[in-house]
Amino acid sequence: MKLRNLFIAALLGAGLTVIPAASANAIGGPNTLTVIAYYSDGGKQTLVGQKWLGCSGPGGQWGETTTYINLFFPPC
């Protein structure tokens, strides 16, 4: 059991060193609005808050933040 956990940890560690991290600019892009939608639970049926930024305008937010999120990148 210990050997298996060590092996899995080594594989995960090796995978993290091979996969390059994307910069924040590469995710949304200059002509894209970044929207984070927060939901009340894992079923993601009830929207309880949002944050947005991009499109050369001020960002904003409303509601509450939770750990249940969806990301959206609509064009400006």
C-alpha atoms as a PDB file:
ATOM      1  CA  MET A   1       0.000   0.000   0.000  1.00  0.00           C
ATOM      2  CA  LYS A   2       2.796   2.417   0.923  1.00  0.00           C
ATOM      3  CA  LEU A   3       4.740   1.574  -2.210  1.00  0.00           C
ATOM      4  CA  ARG A   4       1.669   2.126  -4.385  1.00  0.00           C
ATOM      5  CA  ASN A   5       1.018   5.566  -2.811  1.00  0.00           C
ATOM      6  CA  LEU A   6       4.655   6.519  -3.311  1.00  0.00           C
ATOM      7  CA  PHE A   7       4.485   5.424  -6.953  1.00  0.00           C
ATOM      8  CA  ILE A   8       1.300   7.430  -7.572  1.00  0.00           C
ATOM      9  CA  ALA A   9       2.818  10.507  -5.903  1.00  0.00           C
ATOM     10  CA  ALA A  10       5.927  10.189  -8.100  1.00  0.00           C
ATOM     11  CA  LEU A  11       3.788   9.937 -11.245  1.00  0.00           C
ATOM     12  CA  LEU A  12       1.744  12.988 -10.286  1.00  0.00           C
ATOM     13  CA  GLY A  13       4.886  14.960  -9.477  1.00  0.00           C
ATOM     14  CA  ALA A  14       6.468  14.026 -12.791  1.00  0.00           C
ATOM     15  CA  GLY A  15       3.290  15.008 -14.642  1.00  0.00           C
ATOM     16  CA  LEU A  16       3.240  18.435 -13.026  1.00  0.00           C
ATOM     17  CA  THR A  17       6.806  19.135 -14.091  1.00  0.00           C
ATOM     18  CA  VAL A  18       6.095  18.179 -17.718  1.00  0.00           C
ATOM     19  CA  ILE A  19       2.866  20.175 -18.184  1.00  0.00           C
ATOM     20  CA  PRO A  20       3.629  23.893 -18.594  1.00  0.00           C
ATOM     21  CA  ALA A  21       1.396  26.371 -16.816  1.00  0.00           C
ATOM     22  CA  ALA A  22      -0.593  28.778 -18.997  1.00  0.00           C
ATOM     23  CA  SER A  23      -0.346  32.451 -18.213  1.00  0.00           C
ATOM     24  CA  ALA A  24      -3.468  34.315 -17.165  1.00  0.00           C
ATOM     25  CA  ASN A  25      -3.448  36.253 -20.449  1.00  0.00           C
ATOM     26  CA  ALA A  26      -3.539  33.043 -22.473  1.00  0.00           C
ATOM     27  CA  ILE A  27      -6.729  31.864 -20.802  1.00  0.00           C
ATOM     28  CA  GLY A  28      -9.116  34.672 -21.667  1.00  0.00           C
ATOM     29  CA  GLY A  29      -7.448  36.745 -24.335  1.00  0.00           C
ATOM     30  CA  PRO A  30      -7.584  40.499 -24.971  1.00  0.00           C
ATOM     31  CA  ASN A  31     -11.043  40.553 -26.595  1.00  0.00           C
ATOM     32  CA  THR A  32     -12.704  38.244 -24.115  1.00  0.00           C
ATOM     33  CA  LEU A  33     -14.721  38.843 -20.974  1.00  0.00           C
ATOM     34  CA  THR A  34     -13.815  36.504 -18.113  1.00  0.00           C
ATOM     35  CA  VAL A  35     -16.829  35.545 -15.996  1.00  0.00           C
ATOM     36  CA  ILE A  36     -16.743  33.409 -12.848  1.00  0.00           C
ATOM     37  CA  ALA A  37     -20.179  32.099 -11.894  1.00  0.00           C
ATOM     38  CA  TYR A  38     -20.688  30.888  -8.302  1.00  0.00           C
ATOM     39  CA  TYR A  39     -23.346  28.293  -7.475  1.00  0.00           C
ATOM     40  CA  SER A  40     -24.969  27.231  -4.210  1.00  0.00           C
ATOM     41  CA  ASP A  41     -23.971  23.536  -4.533  1.00  0.00           C
ATOM     42  CA  GLY A  42     -22.355  20.954  -6.771  1.00  0.00           C
ATOM     43  CA  GLY A  43     -25.505  20.568  -8.892  1.00  0.00           C
ATOM     44  CA  LYS A  44     -24.848  24.103 -10.223  1.00  0.00           C
ATOM     45  CA  GLN A  45     -28.533  24.920 -10.600  1.00  0.00           C
ATOM     46  CA  THR A  46     -28.748  28.007  -8.362  1.00  0.00           C
ATOM     47  CA  LEU A  47     -26.523  30.968  -9.245  1.00  0.00           C
ATOM     48  CA  VAL A  48     -25.556  32.899  -6.094  1.00  0.00           C
ATOM     49  CA  GLY A  49     -22.889  35.281  -7.411  1.00  0.00           C
ATOM     50  CA  GLN A  50     -20.636  36.361 -10.279  1.00  0.00           C
ATOM     51  CA  LYS A  51     -17.339  38.155 -10.923  1.00  0.00           C
ATOM     52  CA  TRP A  52     -16.260  39.528 -14.289  1.00  0.00           C
ATOM     53  CA  LEU A  53     -13.340  41.397 -15.820  1.00  0.00           C
ATOM     54  CA  GLY A  54     -11.892  42.213 -19.222  1.00  0.00           C
ATOM     55  CA  CYS A  55     -13.090  43.932 -22.397  1.00  0.00           C
ATOM     56  CA  SER A  56     -11.173  47.103 -21.439  1.00  0.00           C
ATOM     57  CA  GLY A  57     -13.768  47.961 -18.830  1.00  0.00           C
ATOM     58  CA  PRO A  58     -13.950  47.868 -15.073  1.00  0.00           C
ATOM     59  CA  GLY A  59     -14.542  44.496 -13.481  1.00  0.00           C
ATOM     60  CA  GLY A  60     -17.394  43.880 -11.123  1.00  0.00           C
ATOM     61  CA  GLN A  61     -19.104  41.387  -8.914  1.00  0.00           C
ATOM     62  CA  TRP A  62     -22.338  40.626  -7.130  1.00  0.00           C
ATOM     63  CA  GLY A  63     -23.566  38.041  -4.632  1.00  0.00           C
ATOM     64  CA  GLU A  64     -21.483  35.559  -2.700  1.00  0.00           C
ATOM     65  CA  THR A  65     -18.543  33.351  -3.586  1.00  0.00           C
ATOM     66  CA  THR A  66     -18.515  29.571  -3.145  1.00  0.00           C
ATOM     67  CA  THR A  67     -16.308  26.671  -4.165  1.00  0.00           C
ATOM     68  CA  TYR A  68     -18.798  25.629  -6.893  1.00  0.00           C
ATOM     69  CA  ILE A  69     -17.835  27.616  -9.996  1.00  0.00           C
ATOM     70  CA  ASN A  70     -18.039  27.699 -13.769  1.00  0.00           C
ATOM     71  CA  LEU A  71     -15.803  29.842 -15.949  1.00  0.00           C
ATOM     72  CA  PHE A  72     -17.108  31.561 -19.083  1.00  0.00           C
ATOM     73  CA  PHE A  73     -15.171  33.502 -21.728  1.00  0.00           C
ATOM     74  CA  PRO A  74     -17.686  35.293 -23.991  1.00  0.00           C
ATOM     75  CA  PRO A  75     -16.292  37.631 -26.663  1.00  0.00           C
ATOM     76  CA  CYS A  76     -16.491  41.387 -26.061  1.00  0.00           C
END
